[in-house]
C-alpha atoms as a PDB file:
ATOM      1  CA  MET A   1      26.890  84.122  76.722  1.00  0.00           C
ATOM      2  CA  ARG A   2      27.971  87.204  78.630  1.00  0.00           C
ATOM      3  CA  VAL A   3      31.123  87.449  80.716  1.00  0.00           C
ATOM      4  CA  SER A   4      32.425  90.641  82.269  1.00  0.00           C
ATOM      5  CA  LEU A   5      36.027  91.622  81.639  1.00  0.00           C
ATOM      6  CA  GLU A   6      36.776  91.099  85.341  1.00  0.00           C
ATOM      7  CA  GLU A   7      35.315  87.588  85.261  1.00  0.00           C
ATOM      8  CA  PHE A   8      37.224  86.798  82.066  1.00  0.00           C
ATOM      9  CA  GLU A   9      40.473  87.987  83.673  1.00  0.00           C
ATOM     10  CA  GLU A  10      39.742  85.715  86.637  1.00  0.00           C
ATOM     11  CA  LEU A  11      39.305  82.753  84.273  1.00  0.00           C
ATOM     12  CA  VAL A  12      42.687  83.555  82.670  1.00  0.00           C
ATOM     13  CA  SER A  13      44.208  83.763  86.146  1.00  0.00           C
ATOM     14  CA  ARG A  14      42.753  80.348  86.980  1.00  0.00           C
ATOM     15  CA  ALA A  15      44.242  78.926  83.789  1.00  0.00           C
ATOM     16  CA  LEU A  16      47.657  80.324  84.749  1.00  0.00           C
ATOM     17  CA  ASP A  17      47.314  78.941  88.278  1.00  0.00           C
ATOM     18  CA  GLY A  18      46.597  75.533  86.738  1.00  0.00           C
ATOM     19  CA  LEU A  19      49.917  75.388  84.901  1.00  0.00           C
ATOM     20  CA  PRO A  20      52.350  72.788  86.200  1.00  0.00           C
ATOM     21  CA  VAL A  21      54.745  74.439  88.658  1.00  0.00           C
ATOM     22  CA  GLU A  22      57.713  73.215  86.632  1.00  0.00           C
ATOM     23  CA  LEU A  23      56.427  75.058  83.560  1.00  0.00           C
ATOM     24  CA  ALA A  24      55.443  78.230  85.409  1.00  0.00           C
ATOM     25  CA  ASP A  25      58.882  78.390  87.053  1.00  0.00           C
ATOM     26  CA  LEU A  26      60.575  78.349  83.631  1.00  0.00           C
ATOM     27  CA  MET A  27      58.624  81.314  82.267  1.00  0.00           C
ATOM     28  CA  ASP A  28      61.002  84.249  82.019  1.00  0.00           C
ATOM     29  CA  ASN A  29      60.242  87.900  81.303  1.00  0.00           C
ATOM     30  CA  VAL A  30      56.705  87.308  80.033  1.00  0.00           C
ATOM     31  CA  ALA A  31      53.436  89.052  80.944  1.00  0.00           C
ATOM     32  CA  VAL A  32      50.016  87.551  80.278  1.00  0.00           C
ATOM     33  CA  VAL A  33      47.425  90.214  79.496  1.00  0.00           C
ATOM     34  CA  VAL A  34      43.779  90.303  78.422  1.00  0.00           C
ATOM     35  CA  GLU A  35      42.526  92.487  75.584  1.00  0.00           C
ATOM     36  CA  GLU A  36      39.028  92.591  74.163  1.00  0.00           C
ATOM     37  CA  GLU A  37      39.815  92.246  70.451  1.00  0.00           C
ATOM     38  CA  PRO A  38      42.868  91.705  68.259  1.00  0.00           C
ATOM     39  CA  SER A  39      43.812  94.490  65.883  1.00  0.00           C
ATOM     40  CA  ALA A  40      43.582  94.008  62.129  1.00  0.00           C
ATOM     41  CA  GLU A  41      47.397  94.118  62.087  1.00  0.00           C
ATOM     42  CA  ASP A  42      47.621  91.300  64.631  1.00  0.00           C
ATOM     43  CA  LEU A  43      45.238  89.165  62.578  1.00  0.00           C
ATOM     44  CA  GLU A  44      47.155  89.840  59.382  1.00  0.00           C
ATOM     45  CA  SER A  45      50.497  89.114  61.086  1.00  0.00           C
ATOM     46  CA  VAL A  46      49.402  85.505  61.583  1.00  0.00           C
ATOM     47  CA  GLY A  47      47.728  85.176  58.192  1.00  0.00           C
ATOM     48  CA  LEU A  48      44.111  85.617  59.280  1.00  0.00           C
ATOM     49  CA  ASP A  49      41.450  87.610  57.467  1.00  0.00           C
ATOM     50  CA  PRO A  50      40.246  90.458  59.729  1.00  0.00           C
ATOM     51  CA  ALA A  51      36.779  90.288  58.153  1.00  0.00           C
ATOM     52  CA  HIS A  52      36.181  86.588  58.807  1.00  0.00           C
ATOM     53  CA  ASP A  53      38.644  85.009  61.235  1.00  0.00           C
ATOM     54  CA  GLU A  54      38.878  84.924  65.010  1.00  0.00           C
ATOM     55  CA  LEU A  55      42.100  84.987  67.016  1.00  0.00           C
ATOM     56  CA  PHE A  56      42.056  83.725  70.608  1.00  0.00           C
ATOM     57  CA  GLY A  57      45.580  84.674  71.628  1.00  0.00           C
ATOM     58  CA  LEU A  58      48.927  85.940  70.391  1.00  0.00           C
ATOM     59  CA  TYR A  59      52.514  85.777  71.600  1.00  0.00           C
ATOM     60  CA  HIS A  60      54.665  88.877  71.165  1.00  0.00           C
ATOM     61  CA  GLY A  61      58.329  88.415  71.967  1.00  0.00           C
ATOM     62  CA  VAL A  62      61.517  86.453  71.595  1.00  0.00           C
ATOM     63  CA  PRO A  63      61.147  82.765  72.479  1.00  0.00           C
ATOM     64  CA  LEU A  64      63.394  81.497  75.255  1.00  0.00           C
ATOM     65  CA  ALA A  65      65.153  79.148  72.841  1.00  0.00           C
ATOM     66  CA  GLU A  66      66.291  82.139  70.732  1.00  0.00           C
ATOM     67  CA  ARG A  67      67.655  84.249  73.595  1.00  0.00           C
ATOM     68  CA  ASP A  68      71.317  84.444  74.445  1.00  0.00           C
ATOM     69  CA  SER A  69      72.933  85.239  77.784  1.00  0.00           C
ATOM     70  CA  PHE A  70      72.968  88.971  76.936  1.00  0.00           C
ATOM     71  CA  TYR A  71      69.220  89.174  76.270  1.00  0.00           C
ATOM     72  CA  GLU A  72      67.583  92.222  77.828  1.00  0.00           C
ATOM     73  CA  SER A  73      64.223  93.531  76.760  1.00  0.00           C
ATOM     74  CA  LEU A  74      60.803  94.573  77.898  1.00  0.00           C
ATOM     75  CA  PRO A  75      58.700  91.584  78.947  1.00  0.00           C
ATOM     76  CA  ASP A  76      57.311  89.378  76.223  1.00  0.00           C
ATOM     77  CA  ARG A  77      53.522  89.439  76.065  1.00  0.00           C
ATOM     78  CA  VAL A  78      50.948  86.713  75.807  1.00  0.00           C
ATOM     79  CA  VAL A  79      47.669  88.376  74.848  1.00  0.00           C
ATOM     80  CA  ILE A  80      44.396  86.544  75.413  1.00  0.00           C
ATOM     81  CA  TYR A  81      41.462  88.066  73.495  1.00  0.00           C
ATOM     82  CA  SER A  82      38.185  87.960  75.410  1.00  0.00           C
ATOM     83  CA  GLY A  83      35.799  88.858  72.571  1.00  0.00           C
ATOM     84  CA  PRO A  84      36.617  85.992  70.184  1.00  0.00           C
ATOM     85  CA  LEU A  85      36.764  83.432  72.978  1.00  0.00           C
ATOM     86  CA  VAL A  86      33.396  84.431  74.451  1.00  0.00           C
ATOM     87  CA  ARG A  87      31.771  84.510  70.985  1.00  0.00           C
ATOM     88  CA  CYS A  88      33.022  81.019  70.154  1.00  0.00           C
ATOM     89  CA  CYS A  89      31.939  79.303  73.369  1.00  0.00           C
ATOM     90  CA  ASP A  90      28.473  78.186  74.395  1.00  0.00           C
ATOM     91  CA  SER A  91      29.111  77.520  78.093  1.00  0.00           C
ATOM     92  CA  ARG A  92      31.388  78.624  80.920  1.00  0.00           C
ATOM     93  CA  ARG A  93      32.925  75.143  80.974  1.00  0.00           C
ATOM     94  CA  GLU A  94      33.778  75.389  77.284  1.00  0.00           C
ATOM     95  CA  LEU A  95      35.098  78.937  77.785  1.00  0.00           C
ATOM     96  CA  LEU A  96      37.367  77.863  80.632  1.00  0.00           C
ATOM     97  CA  ARG A  97      38.716  74.978  78.530  1.00  0.00           C
ATOM     98  CA  GLU A  98      39.362  77.251  75.538  1.00  0.00           C
ATOM     99  CA  ILE A  99      41.056  79.861  77.731  1.00  0.00           C
ATOM    100  CA  ARG A 100      43.280  77.175  79.260  1.00  0.00           C
ATOM    101  CA  ASP A 101      44.155  75.754  75.847  1.00  0.00           C
ATOM    102  CA  THR A 102      44.900  79.235  74.479  1.00  0.00           C
ATOM    103  CA  VAL A 103      47.099  80.169  77.442  1.00  0.00           C
ATOM    104  CA  VAL A 104      49.071  76.903  77.100  1.00  0.00           C
ATOM    105  CA  HIS A 105      49.349  77.379  73.325  1.00  0.00           C
ATOM    106  CA  GLU A 106      50.697  80.930  73.549  1.00  0.00           C
ATOM    107  CA  ILE A 107      53.075  80.035  76.389  1.00  0.00           C
ATOM    108  CA  GLY A 108      54.278  77.232  74.124  1.00  0.00           C
ATOM    109  CA  HIS A 109      55.411  79.932  71.692  1.00  0.00           C
ATOM    110  CA  HIS A 110      57.313  81.578  74.577  1.00  0.00           C
ATOM    111  CA  PHE A 111      59.211  78.296  74.931  1.00  0.00           C
ATOM    112  CA  GLY A 112      59.898  78.189  71.186  1.00  0.00           C
ATOM    113  CA  LEU A 113      57.317  75.610  70.097  1.00  0.00           C
ATOM    114  CA  GLN A 114      55.963  75.854  66.570  1.00  0.00           C
ATOM    115  CA  GLU A 115      52.270  75.421  65.675  1.00  0.00           C
ATOM    116  CA  ASP A 116      52.637  71.734  64.824  1.00  0.00           C
ATOM    117  CA  GLU A 117      54.396  71.037  68.153  1.00  0.00           C
ATOM    118  CA  MET A 118      51.663  72.462  70.386  1.00  0.00           C
ATOM    119  CA  PRO A 119      49.740  70.232  72.784  1.00  0.00           C
ATOM    120  CA  TYR A 120      46.530  72.137  71.790  1.00  0.00           C
END
């Protein structure tokens, strides 16, 4: 399956637009960006083998639950990786679902959820 970067970014935007308003309103100082591939360092930082594993998304930042009232920093980043997601999906419907699940998962980290607490 082929998807242009612009189309992929639109699918991520649709996933963000589909978030419940209550959740979207609570997001603070976080940017959601699209990159084509994770770096070897990003893969290793989450315990994945750069030669064999795929990473769909990654949260970079300080979760809201760990911030104090004096917190000031550059925006946190949720990175969604287009290459791994496109390679792992057979249809646009599946790709949209995986993008949505990945966006929700990484935003969960922004709210301080651990892997075993994620809805996806």
